[in-house]
Amino acid sequence: MNPESAGLRVSDQNGITRVEFIEQNILDEANIQQIGEALGEVIDAQDDPRLLISFRDVAHLSSAALGALITVSNRVKSKNGELHLSDIDPKILEIFKITRLDRLFEIHDTTAEGLAAFS
C-alpha cells in the first residue's frame, strides 16, 4: 500500500524513517486501518526499524488510532527497532496521559528532539 494513499508522508532522515500525517483528523475507522497497514509495510521493509511519527498537524485522534499505534509499537519492538513520537497537540497528549500510553511511548516535544533521541 502506498503510504500517501493512507494519508501518510514518509521520508528517510539519516536512517530514521520519519512519518507525518497529511490529515488533521485521524478518526475514520477505514482510514486508520489503512494507516496501520501502511506503517506495517514500512516496518516490515526494515531489519531494525527506526520510526519517528510526528503528529504536528493532527488535531483529533480516535481511540482506534491509539490502538493502531500500540500495534505499530509492538511490531517495531518485535524487530528490535525503536519508535518515537513527536509534536503531539497538548489536548491529544492529555489522552496519552489518561490512558497511560505516555509510559508505553517515547514522546518528544519536537521532531528535532525526537530525531536526536535515537540511540
Protein backbone atom coordinates (compact mmCIF):
# COMPACT_ATOMS: atom_id res chain seq x y z
CA MET A 1 0.00 0.00 0.00
CA ASN A 2 1.25 3.46 -0.90
CA PRO A 3 1.75 5.44 2.34
CA GLU A 4 0.39 8.62 0.72
CA SER A 5 -2.88 6.91 -0.19
CA ALA A 6 -3.20 6.09 3.55
CA GLY A 7 -2.68 9.77 4.39
CA LEU A 8 0.97 9.50 5.40
CA ARG A 9 4.09 11.35 4.32
CA VAL A 10 7.14 9.09 4.78
CA SER A 11 10.76 10.19 4.42
CA ASP A 12 14.18 8.91 5.43
CA GLN A 13 16.39 11.09 7.58
CA ASN A 14 19.83 9.61 8.31
CA GLY A 15 18.48 6.07 8.61
CA ILE A 16 15.43 7.12 10.61
CA THR A 17 12.05 6.77 8.95
CA ARG A 18 10.07 9.94 9.58
CA VAL A 19 6.29 9.64 9.31
CA GLU A 20 3.87 12.58 9.23
CA PHE A 21 0.11 12.62 8.87
CA ILE A 22 -1.42 14.52 5.96
CA GLU A 23 -4.89 14.72 7.58
CA GLN A 24 -5.74 16.79 10.66
CA ASN A 25 -8.30 14.30 11.93
CA ILE A 26 -7.41 10.64 12.40
CA LEU A 27 -10.92 9.41 13.19
CA ASP A 28 -12.25 7.28 10.32
CA GLU A 29 -12.04 3.53 11.03
CA ALA A 30 -11.19 2.55 7.44
CA ASN A 31 -8.53 5.25 7.20
CA ILE A 32 -6.95 4.12 10.49
CA GLN A 33 -6.80 0.57 9.17
CA GLN A 34 -5.02 1.82 6.03
CA ILE A 35 -2.57 3.82 8.17
CA GLY A 36 -1.86 0.70 10.25
CA GLU A 37 -1.27 -1.40 7.15
CA ALA A 38 0.99 1.21 5.54
CA LEU A 39 3.04 1.56 8.74
CA GLY A 40 3.23 -2.24 8.98
CA GLU A 41 4.72 -2.38 5.50
CA VAL A 42 7.24 0.35 6.38
CA ILE A 43 8.27 -1.63 9.49
CA ASP A 44 8.42 -4.98 7.65
CA ALA A 45 10.72 -3.49 4.98
CA GLN A 46 13.46 -2.84 7.58
CA ASP A 47 15.61 -5.17 9.67
CA ASP A 48 15.66 -2.93 12.74
CA PRO A 49 13.06 -0.24 12.10
CA ARG A 50 13.70 3.22 13.49
CA LEU A 51 10.49 5.24 13.27
CA LEU A 52 9.67 8.79 14.30
CA ILE A 53 5.97 9.53 13.98
CA SER A 54 5.19 13.25 14.04
CA PHE A 55 1.70 14.42 14.96
CA ARG A 56 2.47 18.03 14.02
CA ASP A 57 -0.73 18.80 12.10
CA VAL A 58 -3.04 16.33 13.89
CA ALA A 59 -5.91 17.95 15.81
CA HIS A 60 -8.08 14.90 16.59
CA LEU A 61 -7.25 11.24 17.19
CA SER A 62 -9.72 8.43 17.87
CA SER A 63 -9.27 5.55 20.29
CA ALA A 64 -8.96 3.23 17.27
CA ALA A 65 -5.94 5.28 16.17
CA LEU A 66 -4.39 4.75 19.61
CA GLY A 67 -4.97 1.02 19.23
CA ALA A 68 -3.25 1.07 15.85
CA LEU A 69 -0.28 2.88 17.43
CA ILE A 70 0.03 0.16 20.07
CA THR A 71 0.10 -2.45 17.28
CA VAL A 72 2.80 -0.44 15.47
CA SER A 73 4.79 -0.22 18.70
CA ASN A 74 4.60 -3.99 19.21
CA ARG A 75 5.71 -4.66 15.62
CA VAL A 76 8.69 -2.32 15.98
CA LYS A 77 9.69 -3.94 19.30
CA SER A 78 9.37 -7.45 17.83
CA LYS A 79 12.06 -6.45 15.30
CA ASN A 80 14.28 -4.83 17.96
CA GLY A 81 13.56 -1.41 16.49
CA GLU A 82 12.90 1.99 18.01
CA LEU A 83 9.73 4.08 17.90
CA HIS A 84 9.47 7.71 18.99
CA LEU A 85 6.51 10.11 18.77
CA SER A 86 6.73 13.90 18.49
CA ASP A 87 4.78 17.12 18.06
CA ILE A 88 1.65 15.91 19.85
CA ASP A 89 -1.03 18.56 20.47
CA PRO A 90 -1.48 19.18 24.24
CA LYS A 91 -5.14 18.02 24.13
CA ILE A 92 -4.13 14.75 22.45
CA LEU A 93 -1.17 14.37 24.80
CA GLU A 94 -3.64 14.53 27.69
CA ILE A 95 -5.35 11.42 26.27
CA PHE A 96 -1.97 9.65 26.15
CA LYS A 97 -1.51 10.53 29.85
CA ILE A 98 -5.03 9.49 30.92
CA THR A 99 -4.65 6.12 29.16
CA ARG A 100 -1.06 5.83 30.45
CA LEU A 101 0.18 5.44 26.89
CA ASP A 102 2.74 8.13 27.69
CA ARG A 103 4.54 5.31 29.57
CA LEU A 104 4.47 3.00 26.56
CA PHE A 105 5.73 5.53 24.02
CA GLU A 106 8.77 7.78 23.99
CA ILE A 107 7.19 11.19 23.36
CA HIS A 108 9.14 14.32 22.39
CA ASP A 109 8.03 17.94 22.07
CA THR A 110 9.59 18.48 18.63
CA THR A 111 10.71 16.47 15.62
CA ALA A 112 14.30 17.60 16.23
CA GLU A 113 14.21 16.25 19.81
CA GLY A 114 12.66 13.02 18.55
CA LEU A 115 15.38 12.55 15.92
CA ALA A 116 18.12 13.26 18.48
CA ALA A 117 16.72 10.63 20.88
CA PHE A 118 17.56 7.63 18.69
CA SER A 119 20.41 5.54 20.02
